[in-house]
Amino acid sequence: MDLNLDGKVAVVTGAGKGIGLAVTRALAAEGARVVAGSLATDSLEGIKGVSPVAVDLSAQDGPAHLVRLAIEEHGRLDVLVNNVGAVRMRTQGFFGTSDEDFAWAMEMNFFIALRASRAALIAMVEKGSGAIVNVASVNAFFQPDAATIDYGAAKAALVNLTKTLSQEFGPHGVRVNAVSPGPVATDLWLGEHGVAATVAKATGVDADTARETIIAGLGGFATGRFTTPEEVATLIMFLASDRTANITGVNYLIDGGLIKTT
């Protein structure tokens, strides 16, 4: 199926690794011109159709700067993928999670997307069309323990923002949707300082055991495996495409059957 993304201009935040890198590669493969923002851009160099931008998106003007560069280079903006996100495991629960911890989680998982959306929507409304896809998480509504209490709250705010913006800007031709992955095979989960390694260190077991224990505690996957970044990217591409021109304000799960209820 042709997704009609050839020649579209897209901005991807957190594009240097994981889901963001998979989305960047997928968009470029479809013929889109991608302005890809990341702290480190080594992984983005040499990808045809991709303009890597080294940027600190947690800086106040970072997201707007990235959007401005895309518009200056290409004259318009068609797609924004708000992918930036980060989690720190709170192994001491609620009492061990400070105001500063919550502020950091909100900055990384909500405010960067908010600022990028604000900048992108100005251009999209002027053009009368556009698509924003926010990368949320199952933790936005599924919170089995306090280890990700601040992360879950921030992602819930992002889903709420998604629905609000979809209502306000739908009449202007702009669609806003979210995807909520369960555990994905990225550094966030499986890396040296990822979820499994952090829990392993706190509980005195190896990372493989920690990962198995965490997944069992969540209820397990129907598919028996982690989602891949490329699978998340495929869903994001579909929502970014005008093939889904009447889908907006929706939060799609991609979790291998982790969530058992609707």
C-alpha atoms as a PDB file:
ATOM      1  CA  MET A   1       0.000   0.000   0.000  1.00  0.00           C
ATOM      2  CA  ASP A   2       1.280   3.424  -0.977  1.00  0.00           C
ATOM      3  CA  LEU A   3       1.120   5.597   2.146  1.00  0.00           C
ATOM      4  CA  ASN A   4       1.305   8.818   0.099  1.00  0.00           C
ATOM      5  CA  LEU A   5       4.277  10.020   2.138  1.00  0.00           C
ATOM      6  CA  ASP A   6       6.568  10.634  -0.830  1.00  0.00           C
ATOM      7  CA  GLY A   7       7.701  14.258  -0.735  1.00  0.00           C
ATOM      8  CA  LYS A   8       6.139  14.962   2.668  1.00  0.00           C
ATOM      9  CA  VAL A   9       8.171  16.936   5.191  1.00  0.00           C
ATOM     10  CA  ALA A  10       8.460  15.336   8.625  1.00  0.00           C
ATOM     11  CA  VAL A  11      10.095  16.222  11.938  1.00  0.00           C
ATOM     12  CA  VAL A  12      11.052  13.407  14.299  1.00  0.00           C
ATOM     13  CA  THR A  13      12.230  14.105  17.843  1.00  0.00           C
ATOM     14  CA  GLY A  14      14.553  11.710  19.657  1.00  0.00           C
ATOM     15  CA  ALA A  15      15.509  10.340  16.253  1.00  0.00           C
ATOM     16  CA  GLY A  16      18.964   9.007  17.056  1.00  0.00           C
ATOM     17  CA  LYS A  17      18.037   5.587  18.408  1.00  0.00           C
ATOM     18  CA  GLY A  18      15.258   3.148  19.225  1.00  0.00           C
ATOM     19  CA  ILE A  19      11.767   3.969  18.011  1.00  0.00           C
ATOM     20  CA  GLY A  20      12.816   7.393  16.727  1.00  0.00           C
ATOM     21  CA  LEU A  21      15.535   5.954  14.508  1.00  0.00           C
ATOM     22  CA  ALA A  22      13.157   3.293  13.185  1.00  0.00           C
ATOM     23  CA  VAL A  23      10.546   5.963  12.365  1.00  0.00           C
ATOM     24  CA  THR A  24      13.148   8.156  10.663  1.00  0.00           C
ATOM     25  CA  ARG A  25      14.352   5.294   8.485  1.00  0.00           C
ATOM     26  CA  ALA A  26      10.800   4.238   7.632  1.00  0.00           C
ATOM     27  CA  LEU A  27       9.701   7.745   6.649  1.00  0.00           C
ATOM     28  CA  ALA A  28      12.789   8.228   4.512  1.00  0.00           C
ATOM     29  CA  ALA A  29      12.220   4.863   2.815  1.00  0.00           C
ATOM     30  CA  GLU A  30       8.739   6.088   1.845  1.00  0.00           C
ATOM     31  CA  GLY A  31      10.235   9.167   0.215  1.00  0.00           C
ATOM     32  CA  ALA A  32       9.588  11.686   2.976  1.00  0.00           C
ATOM     33  CA  ARG A  33      12.101  14.409   3.740  1.00  0.00           C
ATOM     34  CA  VAL A  34      12.908  14.017   7.412  1.00  0.00           C
ATOM     35  CA  VAL A  35      14.407  16.566   9.776  1.00  0.00           C
ATOM     36  CA  ALA A  36      15.646  14.346  12.568  1.00  0.00           C
ATOM     37  CA  GLY A  37      16.468  15.871  15.949  1.00  0.00           C
ATOM     38  CA  SER A  38      18.664  14.180  18.540  1.00  0.00           C
ATOM     39  CA  LEU A  39      21.416  14.960  21.027  1.00  0.00           C
ATOM     40  CA  ALA A  40      23.731  12.673  19.046  1.00  0.00           C
ATOM     41  CA  THR A  41      23.342  12.304  15.286  1.00  0.00           C
ATOM     42  CA  ASP A  42      25.999   9.723  14.329  1.00  0.00           C
ATOM     43  CA  SER A  43      23.371   7.050  13.632  1.00  0.00           C
ATOM     44  CA  LEU A  44      21.493   9.425  11.306  1.00  0.00           C
ATOM     45  CA  GLU A  45      24.353  10.381   9.041  1.00  0.00           C
ATOM     46  CA  GLY A  46      24.163   9.120   5.472  1.00  0.00           C
ATOM     47  CA  ILE A  47      20.463   8.183   5.447  1.00  0.00           C
ATOM     48  CA  LYS A  48      19.046   9.444   2.149  1.00  0.00           C
ATOM     49  CA  GLY A  49      16.381  12.093   2.643  1.00  0.00           C
ATOM     50  CA  VAL A  50      17.299  12.740   6.279  1.00  0.00           C
ATOM     51  CA  SER A  51      18.678  16.004   7.655  1.00  0.00           C
ATOM     52  CA  PRO A  52      20.205  15.251  11.081  1.00  0.00           C
ATOM     53  CA  VAL A  53      20.036  18.067  13.626  1.00  0.00           C
ATOM     54  CA  ALA A  54      22.024  17.964  16.852  1.00  0.00           C
ATOM     55  CA  VAL A  55      19.727  19.624  19.383  1.00  0.00           C
ATOM     56  CA  ASP A  56      18.992  19.549  23.095  1.00  0.00           C
ATOM     57  CA  LEU A  57      15.232  19.140  22.983  1.00  0.00           C
ATOM     58  CA  SER A  58      14.951  19.609  26.751  1.00  0.00           C
ATOM     59  CA  ALA A  59      16.106  23.210  26.301  1.00  0.00           C
ATOM     60  CA  GLN A  60      13.239  25.699  26.322  1.00  0.00           C
ATOM     61  CA  ASP A  61      13.631  26.618  22.648  1.00  0.00           C
ATOM     62  CA  GLY A  62      14.959  23.257  21.455  1.00  0.00           C
ATOM     63  CA  PRO A  63      11.725  21.829  19.969  1.00  0.00           C
ATOM     64  CA  ALA A  64      10.709  25.107  18.285  1.00  0.00           C
ATOM     65  CA  HIS A  65      14.236  25.466  16.883  1.00  0.00           C
ATOM     66  CA  LEU A  66      13.976  22.021  15.281  1.00  0.00           C
ATOM     67  CA  VAL A  67      10.603  22.827  13.722  1.00  0.00           C
ATOM     68  CA  ARG A  68      11.885  26.187  12.445  1.00  0.00           C
ATOM     69  CA  LEU A  69      14.834  24.504  10.737  1.00  0.00           C
ATOM     70  CA  ALA A  70      12.495  22.088   8.959  1.00  0.00           C
ATOM     71  CA  ILE A  71      10.276  24.900   7.684  1.00  0.00           C
ATOM     72  CA  GLU A  72      13.257  27.032   6.649  1.00  0.00           C
ATOM     73  CA  GLU A  73      14.785  24.113   4.737  1.00  0.00           C
ATOM     74  CA  HIS A  74      11.636  22.741   3.095  1.00  0.00           C
ATOM     75  CA  GLY A  75       9.048  25.530   3.223  1.00  0.00           C
ATOM     76  CA  ARG A  76       6.404  23.570   5.102  1.00  0.00           C
ATOM     77  CA  LEU A  77       5.743  20.833   7.647  1.00  0.00           C
ATOM     78  CA  ASP A  78       3.407  17.886   7.071  1.00  0.00           C
ATOM     79  CA  VAL A  79       4.206  15.427   9.871  1.00  0.00           C
ATOM     80  CA  LEU A  80       5.483  15.702  13.444  1.00  0.00           C
ATOM     81  CA  VAL A  81       6.426  12.598  15.406  1.00  0.00           C
ATOM     82  CA  ASN A  82       6.894  13.417  19.095  1.00  0.00           C
ATOM     83  CA  ASN A  83       9.062  10.477  20.096  1.00  0.00           C
ATOM     84  CA  VAL A  84      11.303  11.862  22.840  1.00  0.00           C
ATOM     85  CA  GLY A  85      10.768  10.078  26.144  1.00  0.00           C
ATOM     86  CA  ALA A  86      12.705   8.748  29.094  1.00  0.00           C
ATOM     87  CA  VAL A  87      12.081   6.783  32.259  1.00  0.00           C
ATOM     88  CA  ARG A  88      13.989   6.337  35.496  1.00  0.00           C
ATOM     89  CA  MET A  89      12.899   3.448  37.666  1.00  0.00           C
ATOM     90  CA  ARG A  90      11.735   4.620  41.093  1.00  0.00           C
ATOM     91  CA  THR A  91      12.694   1.579  43.141  1.00  0.00           C
ATOM     92  CA  GLN A  92      11.804   3.363  46.418  1.00  0.00           C
ATOM     93  CA  GLY A  93       8.219   3.974  45.338  1.00  0.00           C
ATOM     94  CA  PHE A  94       6.151   7.096  45.910  1.00  0.00           C
ATOM     95  CA  PHE A  95       7.997   8.272  49.028  1.00  0.00           C
ATOM     96  CA  GLY A  96      11.273   7.979  47.120  1.00  0.00           C
ATOM     97  CA  THR A  97      10.032  10.033  44.162  1.00  0.00           C
ATOM     98  CA  SER A  98      10.622  13.743  44.692  1.00  0.00           C
ATOM     99  CA  ASP A  99       9.059  16.817  43.128  1.00  0.00           C
ATOM    100  CA  GLU A 100      12.241  17.142  41.101  1.00  0.00           C
ATOM    101  CA  ASP A 101      11.797  13.575  39.811  1.00  0.00           C
ATOM    102  CA  PHE A 102       8.247  14.344  38.701  1.00  0.00           C
ATOM    103  CA  ALA A 103       9.411  17.595  37.077  1.00  0.00           C
ATOM    104  CA  TRP A 104      12.107  15.721  35.126  1.00  0.00           C
ATOM    105  CA  ALA A 105       9.600  13.123  33.921  1.00  0.00           C
ATOM    106  CA  MET A 106       7.160  15.820  32.817  1.00  0.00           C
ATOM    107  CA  GLU A 107       9.903  17.702  30.997  1.00  0.00           C
ATOM    108  CA  MET A 108      11.123  14.655  29.064  1.00  0.00           C
ATOM    109  CA  ASN A 109       7.774  13.000  28.361  1.00  0.00           C
ATOM    110  CA  PHE A 110       5.330  15.891  28.105  1.00  0.00           C
ATOM    111  CA  PHE A 111       6.777  19.383  27.760  1.00  0.00           C
ATOM    112  CA  ILE A 112       9.104  18.578  24.848  1.00  0.00           C
ATOM    113  CA  ALA A 113       6.133  17.229  22.902  1.00  0.00           C
ATOM    114  CA  LEU A 114       3.997  20.190  23.985  1.00  0.00           C
ATOM    115  CA  ARG A 115       6.547  22.703  22.732  1.00  0.00           C
ATOM    116  CA  ALA A 116       7.169  20.882  19.457  1.00  0.00           C
ATOM    117  CA  SER A 117       3.414  20.616  18.853  1.00  0.00           C
ATOM    118  CA  ARG A 118       2.884  24.313  19.542  1.00  0.00           C
ATOM    119  CA  ALA A 119       5.528  25.234  16.968  1.00  0.00           C
ATOM    120  CA  ALA A 120       4.334  22.688  14.401  1.00  0.00           C
ATOM    121  CA  LEU A 121       0.656  23.563  14.693  1.00  0.00           C
ATOM    122  CA  ILE A 122       1.246  27.167  13.660  1.00  0.00           C
ATOM    123  CA  ALA A 123       2.625  25.993  10.313  1.00  0.00           C
ATOM    124  CA  MET A 124       0.084  23.189   9.899  1.00  0.00           C
ATOM    125  CA  VAL A 125      -2.923  25.409  10.574  1.00  0.00           C
ATOM    126  CA  GLU A 126      -1.623  27.975   8.097  1.00  0.00           C
ATOM    127  CA  LYS A 127      -1.308  25.203   5.475  1.00  0.00           C
ATOM    128  CA  GLY A 128      -4.632  23.623   6.402  1.00  0.00           C
ATOM    129  CA  SER A 129      -3.317  20.115   6.896  1.00  0.00           C
ATOM    130  CA  GLY A 130      -0.915  18.034   8.959  1.00  0.00           C
ATOM    131  CA  ALA A 131      -0.498  15.013  11.187  1.00  0.00           C
ATOM    132  CA  ILE A 132       1.013  14.735  14.654  1.00  0.00           C
ATOM    133  CA  VAL A 133       1.759  11.374  16.231  1.00  0.00           C
ATOM    134  CA  ASN A 134       2.738  11.268  19.907  1.00  0.00           C
ATOM    135  CA  VAL A 135       4.606   8.291  21.347  1.00  0.00           C
ATOM    136  CA  ALA A 136       2.978   7.649  24.716  1.00  0.00           C
ATOM    137  CA  SER A 137       3.055   4.375  26.676  1.00  0.00           C
ATOM    138  CA  VAL A 138       0.790   1.751  28.203  1.00  0.00           C
ATOM    139  CA  ASN A 139       1.927   3.302  31.483  1.00  0.00           C
ATOM    140  CA  ALA A 140      -0.369   6.227  30.683  1.00  0.00           C
ATOM    141  CA  PHE A 141      -3.233   4.096  32.022  1.00  0.00           C
ATOM    142  CA  PHE A 142      -1.659   0.836  33.231  1.00  0.00           C
ATOM    143  CA  GLN A 143       0.370   1.319  36.377  1.00  0.00           C
ATOM    144  CA  PRO A 144       1.027  -2.001  38.161  1.00  0.00           C
ATOM    145  CA  ASP A 145       3.390  -0.478  40.758  1.00  0.00           C
ATOM    146  CA  ALA A 146       5.062   2.769  41.750  1.00  0.00           C
ATOM    147  CA  ALA A 147       8.334   2.107  39.914  1.00  0.00           C
ATOM    148  CA  THR A 148       7.234   4.316  37.005  1.00  0.00           C
ATOM    149  CA  ILE A 149       4.825   6.594  38.847  1.00  0.00           C
ATOM    150  CA  ASP A 150       6.212   9.856  37.424  1.00  0.00           C
ATOM    151  CA  TYR A 151       6.661   8.428  33.922  1.00  0.00           C
ATOM    152  CA  GLY A 152       3.078   7.147  33.876  1.00  0.00           C
ATOM    153  CA  ALA A 153       1.705  10.498  35.008  1.00  0.00           C
ATOM    154  CA  ALA A 154       3.634  12.306  32.272  1.00  0.00           C
ATOM    155  CA  LYS A 155       2.519   9.908  29.553  1.00  0.00           C
ATOM    156  CA  ALA A 156      -1.091  10.211  30.760  1.00  0.00           C
ATOM    157  CA  ALA A 157      -0.747  13.975  30.320  1.00  0.00           C
ATOM    158  CA  LEU A 158       0.545  13.396  26.789  1.00  0.00           C
ATOM    159  CA  VAL A 159      -2.456  11.218  25.880  1.00  0.00           C
ATOM    160  CA  ASN A 160      -4.790  13.862  27.308  1.00  0.00           C
ATOM    161  CA  LEU A 161      -3.032  16.550  25.263  1.00  0.00           C
ATOM    162  CA  THR A 162      -3.390  14.370  22.172  1.00  0.00           C
ATOM    163  CA  LYS A 163      -7.157  14.197  22.560  1.00  0.00           C
ATOM    164  CA  THR A 164      -7.492  17.895  23.349  1.00  0.00           C
ATOM    165  CA  LEU A 165      -5.445  19.041  20.358  1.00  0.00           C
ATOM    166  CA  SER A 166      -7.300  16.675  18.051  1.00  0.00           C
ATOM    167  CA  GLN A 167     -10.566  18.385  18.934  1.00  0.00           C
ATOM    168  CA  GLU A 168      -9.302  21.933  18.624  1.00  0.00           C
ATOM    169  CA  PHE A 169      -7.337  21.495  15.412  1.00  0.00           C
ATOM    170  CA  GLY A 170      -9.394  18.882  13.574  1.00  0.00           C
ATOM    171  CA  PRO A 171     -11.473  21.623  11.938  1.00  0.00           C
ATOM    172  CA  HIS A 172      -8.184  23.107  10.647  1.00  0.00           C
ATOM    173  CA  GLY A 173      -7.232  19.900   8.838  1.00  0.00           C
ATOM    174  CA  VAL A 174      -4.742  18.663  11.437  1.00  0.00           C
ATOM    175  CA  ARG A 175      -4.961  15.161  12.900  1.00  0.00           C
ATOM    176  CA  VAL A 176      -3.395  14.310  16.273  1.00  0.00           C
ATOM    177  CA  ASN A 177      -3.046  10.704  17.446  1.00  0.00           C
ATOM    178  CA  ALA A 178      -0.952   8.713  19.889  1.00  0.00           C
ATOM    179  CA  VAL A 179       0.578   5.273  20.047  1.00  0.00           C
ATOM    180  CA  SER A 180       1.134   3.513  23.364  1.00  0.00           C
ATOM    181  CA  PRO A 181       3.743   0.786  23.168  1.00  0.00           C
ATOM    182  CA  GLY A 182       4.257  -1.811  25.838  1.00  0.00           C
ATOM    183  CA  PRO A 183       7.854  -2.934  26.442  1.00  0.00           C
ATOM    184  CA  VAL A 184       9.917  -2.426  23.281  1.00  0.00           C
ATOM    185  CA  ALA A 185      13.277  -3.982  22.460  1.00  0.00           C
ATOM    186  CA  THR A 186      15.257  -0.760  22.895  1.00  0.00           C
ATOM    187  CA  ASP A 187      17.942   0.523  25.266  1.00  0.00           C
ATOM    188  CA  LEU A 188      15.199   1.971  27.479  1.00  0.00           C
ATOM    189  CA  TRP A 189      14.254  -1.590  28.429  1.00  0.00           C
ATOM    190  CA  LEU A 190      17.245  -3.715  27.571  1.00  0.00           C
ATOM    191  CA  GLY A 191      20.239  -1.348  27.633  1.00  0.00           C
ATOM    192  CA  GLU A 192      23.048  -1.151  30.167  1.00  0.00           C
ATOM    193  CA  HIS A 193      21.131   1.415  32.227  1.00  0.00           C
ATOM    194  CA  GLY A 194      17.649   0.366  31.155  1.00  0.00           C
ATOM    195  CA  VAL A 195      14.648  -0.868  33.122  1.00  0.00           C
ATOM    196  CA  ALA A 196      15.816  -4.475  33.453  1.00  0.00           C
ATOM    197  CA  ALA A 197      19.350  -3.528  34.529  1.00  0.00           C
ATOM    198  CA  THR A 198      18.076  -0.982  37.071  1.00  0.00           C
ATOM    199  CA  VAL A 199      15.675  -3.451  38.664  1.00  0.00           C
ATOM    200  CA  ALA A 200      18.351  -6.152  38.629  1.00  0.00           C
ATOM    201  CA  LYS A 201      20.760  -3.923  40.533  1.00  0.00           C
ATOM    202  CA  ALA A 202      18.096  -2.953  43.084  1.00  0.00           C
ATOM    203  CA  THR A 203      16.944  -6.532  43.701  1.00  0.00           C
ATOM    204  CA  GLY A 204      20.261  -8.383  43.473  1.00  0.00           C
ATOM    205  CA  VAL A 205      19.469 -10.568  40.461  1.00  0.00           C
ATOM    206  CA  ASP A 206      20.778 -10.655  36.898  1.00  0.00           C
ATOM    207  CA  ALA A 207      19.157  -8.577  34.148  1.00  0.00           C
ATOM    208  CA  ASP A 208      17.519 -11.556  32.416  1.00  0.00           C
ATOM    209  CA  THR A 209      15.851 -12.651  35.645  1.00  0.00           C
ATOM    210  CA  ALA A 210      14.739  -9.096  36.373  1.00  0.00           C
ATOM    211  CA  ARG A 211      13.228  -8.771  32.908  1.00  0.00           C
ATOM    212  CA  GLU A 212      11.332 -12.053  33.239  1.00  0.00           C
ATOM    213  CA  THR A 213      10.069 -11.080  36.697  1.00  0.00           C
ATOM    214  CA  ILE A 214       8.899  -7.662  35.508  1.00  0.00           C
ATOM    215  CA  ILE A 215       7.040  -9.094  32.517  1.00  0.00           C
ATOM    216  CA  ALA A 216       5.442 -11.821  34.623  1.00  0.00           C
ATOM    217  CA  GLY A 217       4.320  -9.184  37.119  1.00  0.00           C
ATOM    218  CA  LEU A 218       2.721  -7.215  34.295  1.00  0.00           C
ATOM    219  CA  GLY A 219       0.753 -10.257  33.212  1.00  0.00           C
ATOM    220  CA  GLY A 220       2.916 -11.418  30.306  1.00  0.00           C
ATOM    221  CA  PHE A 221       2.672 -11.018  26.541  1.00  0.00           C
ATOM    222  CA  ALA A 222       0.226 -13.009  24.423  1.00  0.00           C
ATOM    223  CA  THR A 223       2.867 -13.027  21.667  1.00  0.00           C
ATOM    224  CA  GLY A 224       5.624 -14.063  24.063  1.00  0.00           C
ATOM    225  CA  ARG A 225       8.045 -11.317  23.006  1.00  0.00           C
ATOM    226  CA  PHE A 226       8.900  -7.639  23.122  1.00  0.00           C
ATOM    227  CA  THR A 227       7.644  -5.346  20.378  1.00  0.00           C
ATOM    228  CA  THR A 228      10.345  -4.208  17.933  1.00  0.00           C
ATOM    229  CA  PRO A 229      11.022  -0.532  17.170  1.00  0.00           C
ATOM    230  CA  GLU A 230      10.216  -1.233  13.512  1.00  0.00           C
ATOM    231  CA  GLU A 231       6.755  -2.522  14.443  1.00  0.00           C
ATOM    232  CA  VAL A 232       6.011   0.672  16.380  1.00  0.00           C
ATOM    233  CA  ALA A 233       7.333   2.691  13.447  1.00  0.00           C
ATOM    234  CA  THR A 234       4.923   0.922  11.083  1.00  0.00           C
ATOM    235  CA  LEU A 235       1.949   1.969  13.212  1.00  0.00           C
ATOM    236  CA  ILE A 236       3.234   5.538  13.424  1.00  0.00           C
ATOM    237  CA  MET A 237       3.687   5.661   9.636  1.00  0.00           C
ATOM    238  CA  PHE A 238       0.106   4.514   9.128  1.00  0.00           C
ATOM    239  CA  LEU A 239      -1.214   7.270  11.405  1.00  0.00           C
ATOM    240  CA  ALA A 240       1.009   9.882   9.740  1.00  0.00           C
ATOM    241  CA  SER A 241      -0.341   8.934   6.324  1.00  0.00           C
ATOM    242  CA  ASP A 242      -3.389  10.558   4.746  1.00  0.00           C
ATOM    243  CA  ARG A 243      -4.622   6.999   4.202  1.00  0.00           C
ATOM    244  CA  THR A 244      -6.000   7.462   7.727  1.00  0.00           C
ATOM    245  CA  ALA A 245      -7.361  10.929   7.032  1.00  0.00           C
ATOM    246  CA  ASN A 246     -10.395  10.561   9.298  1.00  0.00           C
ATOM    247  CA  ILE A 247      -8.607   9.047  12.299  1.00  0.00           C
ATOM    248  CA  THR A 248      -7.834  11.562  15.035  1.00  0.00           C
ATOM    249  CA  GLY A 249      -7.836  11.757  18.814  1.00  0.00           C
ATOM    250  CA  VAL A 250      -7.078   8.039  19.159  1.00  0.00           C
ATOM    251  CA  ASN A 251      -4.484   6.272  21.303  1.00  0.00           C
ATOM    252  CA  TYR A 252      -3.429   2.973  19.707  1.00  0.00           C
ATOM    253  CA  LEU A 253      -1.874   0.135  21.722  1.00  0.00           C
ATOM    254  CA  ILE A 254       0.987  -1.979  20.427  1.00  0.00           C
ATOM    255  CA  ASP A 255       1.964  -4.250  23.294  1.00  0.00           C
ATOM    256  CA  GLY A 256       1.960  -7.889  22.225  1.00  0.00           C
ATOM    257  CA  GLY A 257      -1.286  -8.491  24.081  1.00  0.00           C
ATOM    258  CA  LEU A 258       0.014  -7.168  27.422  1.00  0.00           C
ATOM    259  CA  ILE A 259      -3.172  -5.223  28.160  1.00  0.00           C
ATOM    260  CA  LYS A 260      -5.997  -7.746  28.547  1.00  0.00           C
ATOM    261  CA  THR A 261      -8.926  -5.293  28.818  1.00  0.00           C
ATOM    262  CA  THR A 262     -10.222  -2.525  26.580  1.00  0.00           C
END
